[in-house]
């Protein structure tokens, strides 16, 4: 996710799509898809109340068997921390 938010967002040709609300990790979330100029895309699910990410989804096609694979990461149990 760090690469998407820190690098992709500054590249030319990046597009953001708001896909409405959806369930992400059993929470109501805003679904946002980020696509770069190489036609790679990542879908982020952001909690509607806190705007923190609850899930990241990335789909890619395997070159050997041509099937689409989906990788998902879920995030939960955020805790505040103090800056030192």
PDB file of N, CA and C in Angstrom:
ATOM      1  N   UNK A   1       0.831  -1.186   0.000  1.00  0.00           N
ATOM      2  CA  UNK A   1       0.000   0.000   0.000  1.00  0.00           C
ATOM      3  C   UNK A   1       0.872   1.246   0.000  1.00  0.00           C
ATOM      4  N   UNK A   2       2.009   1.168   0.681  1.00  0.00           N
ATOM      5  CA  UNK A   2       2.886   2.337   0.736  1.00  0.00           C
ATOM      6  C   UNK A   2       3.346   2.736  -0.658  1.00  0.00           C
ATOM      7  N   UNK A   3       3.686   1.759  -1.480  1.00  0.00           N
ATOM      8  CA  UNK A   3       4.128   2.047  -2.846  1.00  0.00           C
ATOM      9  C   UNK A   3       3.015   2.710  -3.652  1.00  0.00           C
ATOM     10  N   UNK A   4       1.800   2.241  -3.490  1.00  0.00           N
ATOM     11  CA  UNK A   4       0.672   2.817  -4.223  1.00  0.00           C
ATOM     12  C   UNK A   4       0.448   4.266  -3.802  1.00  0.00           C
ATOM     13  N   UNK A   5       0.411   4.518  -2.505  1.00  0.00           N
ATOM     14  CA  UNK A   5       0.091   5.860  -2.025  1.00  0.00           C
ATOM     15  C   UNK A   5       1.247   6.844  -2.172  1.00  0.00           C
ATOM     16  N   UNK A   6       2.468   6.378  -2.056  1.00  0.00           N
ATOM     17  CA  UNK A   6       3.606   7.307  -2.125  1.00  0.00           C
ATOM     18  C   UNK A   6       4.174   7.477  -3.524  1.00  0.00           C
ATOM     19  N   UNK A   7       4.106   6.441  -4.371  1.00  0.00           N
ATOM     20  CA  UNK A   7       4.708   6.524  -5.703  1.00  0.00           C
ATOM     21  C   UNK A   7       3.679   6.696  -6.802  1.00  0.00           C
ATOM     22  N   UNK A   8       2.668   5.812  -6.827  1.00  0.00           N
ATOM     23  CA  UNK A   8       1.692   5.880  -7.910  1.00  0.00           C
ATOM     24  C   UNK A   8       0.977   7.211  -7.961  1.00  0.00           C
ATOM     25  N   UNK A   9       0.646   7.772  -6.818  1.00  0.00           N
ATOM     26  CA  UNK A   9      -0.163   8.988  -6.783  1.00  0.00           C
ATOM     27  C   UNK A   9       0.520  10.174  -7.469  1.00  0.00           C
ATOM     28  N   UNK A  10       1.843  10.134  -7.604  1.00  0.00           N
ATOM     29  CA  UNK A  10       2.579  11.246  -8.203  1.00  0.00           C
ATOM     30  C   UNK A  10       2.950  10.983  -9.660  1.00  0.00           C
ATOM     31  N   UNK A  11       2.619   9.804 -10.177  1.00  0.00           N
ATOM     32  CA  UNK A  11       2.930   9.478 -11.558  1.00  0.00           C
ATOM     33  C   UNK A  11       1.882  10.087 -12.499  1.00  0.00           C
ATOM     34  N   UNK A  12       2.302  10.453 -13.717  1.00  0.00           N
ATOM     35  CA  UNK A  12       1.306  10.933 -14.682  1.00  0.00           C
ATOM     36  C   UNK A  12       0.435   9.767 -15.139  1.00  0.00           C
ATOM     37  N   UNK A  13      -0.823  10.039 -15.404  1.00  0.00           N
ATOM     38  CA  UNK A  13      -1.727   9.019 -15.906  1.00  0.00           C
ATOM     39  C   UNK A  13      -2.438   8.203 -14.849  1.00  0.00           C
ATOM     40  N   UNK A  14      -2.329   8.591 -13.586  1.00  0.00           N
ATOM     41  CA  UNK A  14      -3.013   7.870 -12.515  1.00  0.00           C
ATOM     42  C   UNK A  14      -4.471   8.322 -12.458  1.00  0.00           C
ATOM     43  N   UNK A  15      -5.364   7.355 -12.302  1.00  0.00           N
ATOM     44  CA  UNK A  15      -6.792   7.662 -12.213  1.00  0.00           C
ATOM     45  C   UNK A  15      -7.354   7.088 -10.928  1.00  0.00           C
ATOM     46  N   UNK A  16      -8.228   7.856 -10.271  1.00  0.00           N
ATOM     47  CA  UNK A  16      -8.919   7.425  -9.053  1.00  0.00           C
ATOM     48  C   UNK A  16     -10.395   7.256  -9.375  1.00  0.00           C
ATOM     49  N   UNK A  17     -10.966   6.139  -8.936  1.00  0.00           N
ATOM     50  CA  UNK A  17     -12.376   5.862  -9.167  1.00  0.00           C
ATOM     51  C   UNK A  17     -13.044   5.567  -7.839  1.00  0.00           C
ATOM     52  N   UNK A  18     -14.097   6.312  -7.538  1.00  0.00           N
ATOM     53  CA  UNK A  18     -14.895   6.046  -6.348  1.00  0.00           C
ATOM     54  C   UNK A  18     -15.993   5.078  -6.748  1.00  0.00           C
ATOM     55  N   UNK A  19     -15.980   3.889  -6.173  1.00  0.00           N
ATOM     56  CA  UNK A  19     -16.914   2.828  -6.535  1.00  0.00           C
ATOM     57  C   UNK A  19     -18.082   2.715  -5.572  1.00  0.00           C
ATOM     58  N   UNK A  20     -18.284   3.699  -4.715  1.00  0.00           N
ATOM     59  CA  UNK A  20     -19.402   3.681  -3.771  1.00  0.00           C
ATOM     60  C   UNK A  20     -19.045   2.967  -2.482  1.00  0.00           C
ATOM     61  N   UNK A  21     -20.067   2.620  -1.719  1.00  0.00           N
ATOM     62  CA  UNK A  21     -19.832   1.930  -0.455  1.00  0.00           C
ATOM     63  C   UNK A  21     -19.942   0.431  -0.665  1.00  0.00           C
ATOM     64  N   UNK A  22     -19.156  -0.296   0.136  1.00  0.00           N
ATOM     65  CA  UNK A  22     -19.136  -1.750   0.060  1.00  0.00           C
ATOM     66  C   UNK A  22     -18.736  -2.293   1.422  1.00  0.00           C
ATOM     67  N   UNK A  23     -18.851  -3.588   1.571  1.00  0.00           N
ATOM     68  CA  UNK A  23     -18.382  -4.217   2.802  1.00  0.00           C
ATOM     69  C   UNK A  23     -16.917  -4.579   2.644  1.00  0.00           C
ATOM     70  N   UNK A  24     -16.110  -4.094   3.554  1.00  0.00           N
ATOM     71  CA  UNK A  24     -14.697  -4.428   3.579  1.00  0.00           C
ATOM     72  C   UNK A  24     -14.342  -4.925   4.956  1.00  0.00           C
ATOM     73  N   UNK A  25     -14.024  -6.202   5.072  1.00  0.00           N
ATOM     74  CA  UNK A  25     -13.679  -6.795   6.369  1.00  0.00           C
ATOM     75  C   UNK A  25     -14.840  -6.656   7.360  1.00  0.00           C
ATOM     76  N   UNK A  26     -16.058  -6.894   6.881  1.00  0.00           N
ATOM     77  CA  UNK A  26     -17.296  -6.847   7.676  1.00  0.00           C
ATOM     78  C   UNK A  26     -17.623  -5.448   8.196  1.00  0.00           C
ATOM     79  N   UNK A  27     -17.031  -4.422   7.621  1.00  0.00           N
ATOM     80  CA  UNK A  27     -17.320  -3.030   7.982  1.00  0.00           C
ATOM     81  C   UNK A  27     -17.806  -2.287   6.743  1.00  0.00           C
ATOM     82  N   UNK A  28     -18.652  -1.302   6.957  1.00  0.00           N
ATOM     83  CA  UNK A  28     -19.065  -0.446   5.858  1.00  0.00           C
ATOM     84  C   UNK A  28     -17.874   0.422   5.465  1.00  0.00           C
ATOM     85  N   UNK A  29     -17.543   0.409   4.177  1.00  0.00           N
ATOM     86  CA  UNK A  29     -16.345   1.105   3.723  1.00  0.00           C
ATOM     87  C   UNK A  29     -16.592   1.785   2.386  1.00  0.00           C
ATOM     88  N   UNK A  30     -15.814   2.829   2.117  1.00  0.00           N
ATOM     89  CA  UNK A  30     -15.799   3.471   0.810  1.00  0.00           C
ATOM     90  C   UNK A  30     -14.804   2.719  -0.058  1.00  0.00           C
ATOM     91  N   UNK A  31     -15.234   2.320  -1.245  1.00  0.00           N
ATOM     92  CA  UNK A  31     -14.390   1.541  -2.149  1.00  0.00           C
ATOM     93  C   UNK A  31     -13.780   2.476  -3.181  1.00  0.00           C
ATOM     94  N   UNK A  32     -12.446   2.530  -3.232  1.00  0.00           N
ATOM     95  CA  UNK A  32     -11.723   3.408  -4.148  1.00  0.00           C
ATOM     96  C   UNK A  32     -10.725   2.571  -4.934  1.00  0.00           C
ATOM     97  N   UNK A  33     -10.750   2.705  -6.268  1.00  0.00           N
ATOM     98  CA  UNK A  33      -9.809   1.992  -7.125  1.00  0.00           C
ATOM     99  C   UNK A  33      -8.814   2.988  -7.694  1.00  0.00           C
ATOM    100  N   UNK A  34      -7.536   2.647  -7.594  1.00  0.00           N
ATOM    101  CA  UNK A  34      -6.454   3.479  -8.120  1.00  0.00           C
ATOM    102  C   UNK A  34      -5.818   2.714  -9.273  1.00  0.00           C
ATOM    103  N   UNK A  35      -5.753   3.343 -10.455  1.00  0.00           N
ATOM    104  CA  UNK A  35      -5.191   2.713 -11.647  1.00  0.00           C
ATOM    105  C   UNK A  35      -4.054   3.576 -12.173  1.00  0.00           C
ATOM    106  N   UNK A  36      -2.929   2.934 -12.524  1.00  0.00           N
ATOM    107  CA  UNK A  36      -1.796   3.694 -13.056  1.00  0.00           C
ATOM    108  C   UNK A  36      -1.767   3.592 -14.581  1.00  0.00           C
ATOM    109  N   UNK A  37      -0.768   4.218 -15.198  1.00  0.00           N
ATOM    110  CA  UNK A  37      -0.689   4.266 -16.658  1.00  0.00           C
ATOM    111  C   UNK A  37      -0.302   2.920 -17.265  1.00  0.00           C
ATOM    112  N   UNK A  38       0.186   1.974 -16.467  1.00  0.00           N
ATOM    113  CA  UNK A  38       0.524   0.629 -16.940  1.00  0.00           C
ATOM    114  C   UNK A  38      -0.661  -0.328 -16.821  1.00  0.00           C
ATOM    115  N   UNK A  39      -1.845   0.221 -16.555  1.00  0.00           N
ATOM    116  CA  UNK A  39      -3.096  -0.521 -16.409  1.00  0.00           C
ATOM    117  C   UNK A  39      -3.064  -1.489 -15.221  1.00  0.00           C
ATOM    118  N   UNK A  40      -2.315  -1.147 -14.190  1.00  0.00           N
ATOM    119  CA  UNK A  40      -2.325  -1.896 -12.939  1.00  0.00           C
ATOM    120  C   UNK A  40      -3.273  -1.167 -11.997  1.00  0.00           C
ATOM    121  N   UNK A  41      -4.029  -1.920 -11.221  1.00  0.00           N
ATOM    122  CA  UNK A  41      -4.960  -1.256 -10.319  1.00  0.00           C
ATOM    123  C   UNK A  41      -4.989  -1.939  -8.959  1.00  0.00           C
ATOM    124  N   UNK A  42      -5.290  -1.121  -7.956  1.00  0.00           N
ATOM    125  CA  UNK A  42      -5.428  -1.579  -6.584  1.00  0.00           C
ATOM    126  C   UNK A  42      -6.731  -0.991  -6.061  1.00  0.00           C
ATOM    127  N   UNK A  43      -7.503  -1.814  -5.352  1.00  0.00           N
ATOM    128  CA  UNK A  43      -8.741  -1.343  -4.756  1.00  0.00           C
ATOM    129  C   UNK A  43      -8.555  -1.240  -3.258  1.00  0.00           C
ATOM    130  N   UNK A  44      -8.856  -0.062  -2.710  1.00  0.00           N
ATOM    131  CA  UNK A  44      -8.760   0.177  -1.276  1.00  0.00           C
ATOM    132  C   UNK A  44     -10.154   0.333  -0.699  1.00  0.00           C
ATOM    133  N   UNK A  45     -10.371  -0.249   0.464  1.00  0.00           N
ATOM    134  CA  UNK A  45     -11.618  -0.105   1.199  1.00  0.00           C
ATOM    135  C   UNK A  45     -11.302   0.739   2.427  1.00  0.00           C
ATOM    136  N   UNK A  46     -11.894   1.935   2.518  1.00  0.00           N
ATOM    137  CA  UNK A  46     -11.621   2.874   3.604  1.00  0.00           C
ATOM    138  C   UNK A  46     -12.833   2.971   4.516  1.00  0.00           C
ATOM    139  N   UNK A  47     -12.614   2.810   5.812  1.00  0.00           N
ATOM    140  CA  UNK A  47     -13.700   2.869   6.787  1.00  0.00           C
ATOM    141  C   UNK A  47     -14.430   4.197   6.651  1.00  0.00           C
ATOM    142  N   UNK A  48     -15.759   4.154   6.616  1.00  0.00           N
ATOM    143  CA  UNK A  48     -16.532   5.378   6.403  1.00  0.00           C
ATOM    144  C   UNK A  48     -16.454   6.346   7.579  1.00  0.00           C
ATOM    145  N   UNK A  49     -16.230   5.845   8.779  1.00  0.00           N
ATOM    146  CA  UNK A  49     -16.168   6.720   9.953  1.00  0.00           C
ATOM    147  C   UNK A  49     -14.774   7.285  10.192  1.00  0.00           C
ATOM    148  N   UNK A  50     -13.736   6.453  10.075  1.00  0.00           N
ATOM    149  CA  UNK A  50     -12.380   6.886  10.418  1.00  0.00           C
ATOM    150  C   UNK A  50     -11.510   7.191   9.201  1.00  0.00           C
ATOM    151  N   UNK A  51     -11.930   6.732   8.018  1.00  0.00           N
ATOM    152  CA  UNK A  51     -11.179   6.877   6.767  1.00  0.00           C
ATOM    153  C   UNK A  51      -9.855   6.120   6.798  1.00  0.00           C
ATOM    154  N   UNK A  52      -9.713   5.168   7.716  1.00  0.00           N
ATOM    155  CA  UNK A  52      -8.537   4.304   7.749  1.00  0.00           C
ATOM    156  C   UNK A  52      -8.778   3.106   6.843  1.00  0.00           C
ATOM    157  N   UNK A  53      -7.725   2.583   6.203  1.00  0.00           N
ATOM    158  CA  UNK A  53      -7.927   1.433   5.322  1.00  0.00           C
ATOM    159  C   UNK A  53      -8.302   0.180   6.119  1.00  0.00           C
ATOM    160  N   UNK A  54      -9.288  -0.561   5.613  1.00  0.00           N
ATOM    161  CA  UNK A  54      -9.681  -1.820   6.242  1.00  0.00           C
ATOM    162  C   UNK A  54      -9.346  -3.013   5.351  1.00  0.00           C
ATOM    163  N   UNK A  55      -9.169  -2.771   4.040  1.00  0.00           N
ATOM    164  CA  UNK A  55      -8.817  -3.865   3.145  1.00  0.00           C
ATOM    165  C   UNK A  55      -8.175  -3.317   1.879  1.00  0.00           C
ATOM    166  N   UNK A  56      -7.215  -4.091   1.332  1.00  0.00           N
ATOM    167  CA  UNK A  56      -6.584  -3.763   0.053  1.00  0.00           C
ATOM    168  C   UNK A  56      -6.717  -4.988  -0.842  1.00  0.00           C
ATOM    169  N   UNK A  57      -7.107  -4.786  -2.079  1.00  0.00           N
ATOM    170  CA  UNK A  57      -7.309  -5.893  -3.013  1.00  0.00           C
ATOM    171  C   UNK A  57      -6.549  -5.606  -4.304  1.00  0.00           C
ATOM    172  N   UNK A  58      -5.832  -6.624  -4.793  1.00  0.00           N
ATOM    173  CA  UNK A  58      -5.033  -6.495  -6.005  1.00  0.00           C
ATOM    174  C   UNK A  58      -5.227  -7.752  -6.835  1.00  0.00           C
ATOM    175  N   UNK A  59      -5.636  -7.614  -8.084  1.00  0.00           N
ATOM    176  CA  UNK A  59      -5.845  -8.771  -8.968  1.00  0.00           C
ATOM    177  C   UNK A  59      -4.784  -8.775 -10.057  1.00  0.00           C
ATOM    178  N   UNK A  60      -4.289  -9.965 -10.373  1.00  0.00           N
ATOM    179  CA  UNK A  60      -3.302 -10.112 -11.439  1.00  0.00           C
ATOM    180  C   UNK A  60      -3.517 -11.447 -12.140  1.00  0.00           C
ATOM    181  N   UNK A  61      -3.081 -11.515 -13.392  1.00  0.00           N
ATOM    182  CA  UNK A  61      -3.270 -12.722 -14.191  1.00  0.00           C
ATOM    183  C   UNK A  61      -1.956 -13.499 -14.252  1.00  0.00           C
ATOM    184  N   UNK A  62      -2.023 -14.789 -13.910  1.00  0.00           N
ATOM    185  CA  UNK A  62      -0.859 -15.669 -13.939  1.00  0.00           C
ATOM    186  C   UNK A  62      -0.499 -15.982 -15.391  1.00  0.00           C
ATOM    187  N   UNK A  63       0.765 -15.808 -15.762  1.00  0.00           N
ATOM    188  CA  UNK A  63       1.187 -16.022 -17.145  1.00  0.00           C
ATOM    189  C   UNK A  63       1.166 -17.492 -17.546  1.00  0.00           C
ATOM    190  N   UNK A  64       1.360 -18.396 -16.595  1.00  0.00           N
ATOM    191  CA  UNK A  64       1.426 -19.812 -16.947  1.00  0.00           C
ATOM    192  C   UNK A  64       0.051 -20.427 -17.210  1.00  0.00           C
ATOM    193  N   UNK A  65      -0.928 -20.159 -16.354  1.00  0.00           N
ATOM    194  CA  UNK A  65      -2.242 -20.789 -16.535  1.00  0.00           C
ATOM    195  C   UNK A  65      -3.338 -19.811 -16.952  1.00  0.00           C
ATOM    196  N   UNK A  66      -3.016 -18.535 -17.066  1.00  0.00           N
ATOM    197  CA  UNK A  66      -3.940 -17.482 -17.518  1.00  0.00           C
ATOM    198  C   UNK A  66      -5.115 -17.224 -16.578  1.00  0.00           C
ATOM    199  N   UNK A  67      -5.105 -17.796 -15.379  1.00  0.00           N
ATOM    200  CA  UNK A  67      -6.167 -17.536 -14.412  1.00  0.00           C
ATOM    201  C   UNK A  67      -5.890 -16.247 -13.654  1.00  0.00           C
ATOM    202  N   UNK A  68      -6.951 -15.590 -13.250  1.00  0.00           N
ATOM    203  CA  UNK A  68      -6.813 -14.366 -12.475  1.00  0.00           C
ATOM    204  C   UNK A  68      -6.647 -14.718 -10.993  1.00  0.00           C
ATOM    205  N   UNK A  69      -5.650 -14.141 -10.377  1.00  0.00           N
ATOM    206  CA  UNK A  69      -5.393 -14.328  -8.949  1.00  0.00           C
ATOM    207  C   UNK A  69      -5.711 -13.027  -8.227  1.00  0.00           C
ATOM    208  N   UNK A  70      -6.287 -13.148  -7.048  1.00  0.00           N
ATOM    209  CA  UNK A  70      -6.626 -11.976  -6.247  1.00  0.00           C
ATOM    210  C   UNK A  70      -5.904 -12.078  -4.909  1.00  0.00           C
ATOM    211  N   UNK A  71      -5.163 -11.038  -4.590  1.00  0.00           N
ATOM    212  CA  UNK A  71      -4.495 -10.961  -3.294  1.00  0.00           C
ATOM    213  C   UNK A  71      -5.194  -9.890  -2.474  1.00  0.00           C
ATOM    214  N   UNK A  72      -5.513 -10.221  -1.229  1.00  0.00           N
ATOM    215  CA  UNK A  72      -6.171  -9.258  -0.348  1.00  0.00           C
ATOM    216  C   UNK A  72      -5.449  -9.202   0.990  1.00  0.00           C
ATOM    217  N   UNK A  73      -5.366  -7.999   1.513  1.00  0.00           N
ATOM    218  CA  UNK A  73      -4.836  -7.786   2.862  1.00  0.00           C
ATOM    219  C   UNK A  73      -5.912  -7.058   3.648  1.00  0.00           C
ATOM    220  N   UNK A  74      -6.139  -7.487   4.875  1.00  0.00           N
ATOM    221  CA  UNK A  74      -7.101  -6.797   5.734  1.00  0.00           C
ATOM    222  C   UNK A  74      -6.371  -6.134   6.884  1.00  0.00           C
ATOM    223  N   UNK A  75      -6.927  -5.032   7.331  1.00  0.00           N
ATOM    224  CA  UNK A  75      -6.344  -4.249   8.413  1.00  0.00           C
ATOM    225  C   UNK A  75      -7.407  -4.045   9.480  1.00  0.00           C
ATOM    226  N   UNK A  76      -7.005  -4.133  10.745  1.00  0.00           N
ATOM    227  CA  UNK A  76      -7.973  -4.024  11.828  1.00  0.00           C
ATOM    228  C   UNK A  76      -7.236  -3.714  13.121  1.00  0.00           C
ATOM    229  N   UNK A  77      -8.004  -3.372  14.139  1.00  0.00           N
ATOM    230  CA  UNK A  77      -7.475  -3.160  15.478  1.00  0.00           C
ATOM    231  C   UNK A  77      -6.445  -2.033  15.540  1.00  0.00           C
ATOM    232  N   UNK A  78      -6.763  -0.898  14.940  1.00  0.00           N
ATOM    233  CA  UNK A  78      -5.892   0.257  15.002  1.00  0.00           C
ATOM    234  C   UNK A  78      -5.810   0.779  16.423  1.00  0.00           C
ATOM    235  N   UNK A  79      -4.624   1.186  16.831  1.00  0.00           N
ATOM    236  CA  UNK A  79      -4.433   1.750  18.171  1.00  0.00           C
ATOM    237  C   UNK A  79      -3.672   3.060  18.044  1.00  0.00           C
ATOM    238  N   UNK A  80      -4.062   4.049  18.840  1.00  0.00           N
ATOM    239  CA  UNK A  80      -3.313   5.317  18.789  1.00  0.00           C
ATOM    240  C   UNK A  80      -1.913   5.120  19.371  1.00  0.00           C
ATOM    241  N   UNK A  81      -0.968   5.862  18.826  1.00  0.00           N
ATOM    242  CA  UNK A  81       0.382   5.812  19.369  1.00  0.00           C
ATOM    243  C   UNK A  81       0.905   7.236  19.508  1.00  0.00           C
ATOM    244  N   UNK A  82       1.832   7.397  20.374  1.00  0.00           N
ATOM    245  CA  UNK A  82       2.412   8.716  20.632  1.00  0.00           C
ATOM    246  C   UNK A  82       3.654   8.899  19.791  1.00  0.00           C
ATOM    247  N   UNK A  83       3.789  10.064  19.233  1.00  0.00           N
ATOM    248  CA  UNK A  83       5.003  10.389  18.494  1.00  0.00           C
ATOM    249  C   UNK A  83       6.082  10.770  19.492  1.00  0.00           C
ATOM    250  N   UNK A  84       7.266  10.220  19.306  1.00  0.00           N
ATOM    251  CA  UNK A  84       8.347  10.526  20.247  1.00  0.00           C
ATOM    252  C   UNK A  84       9.177  11.677  19.778  1.00  0.00           C
TER     253      UNK A  84
END
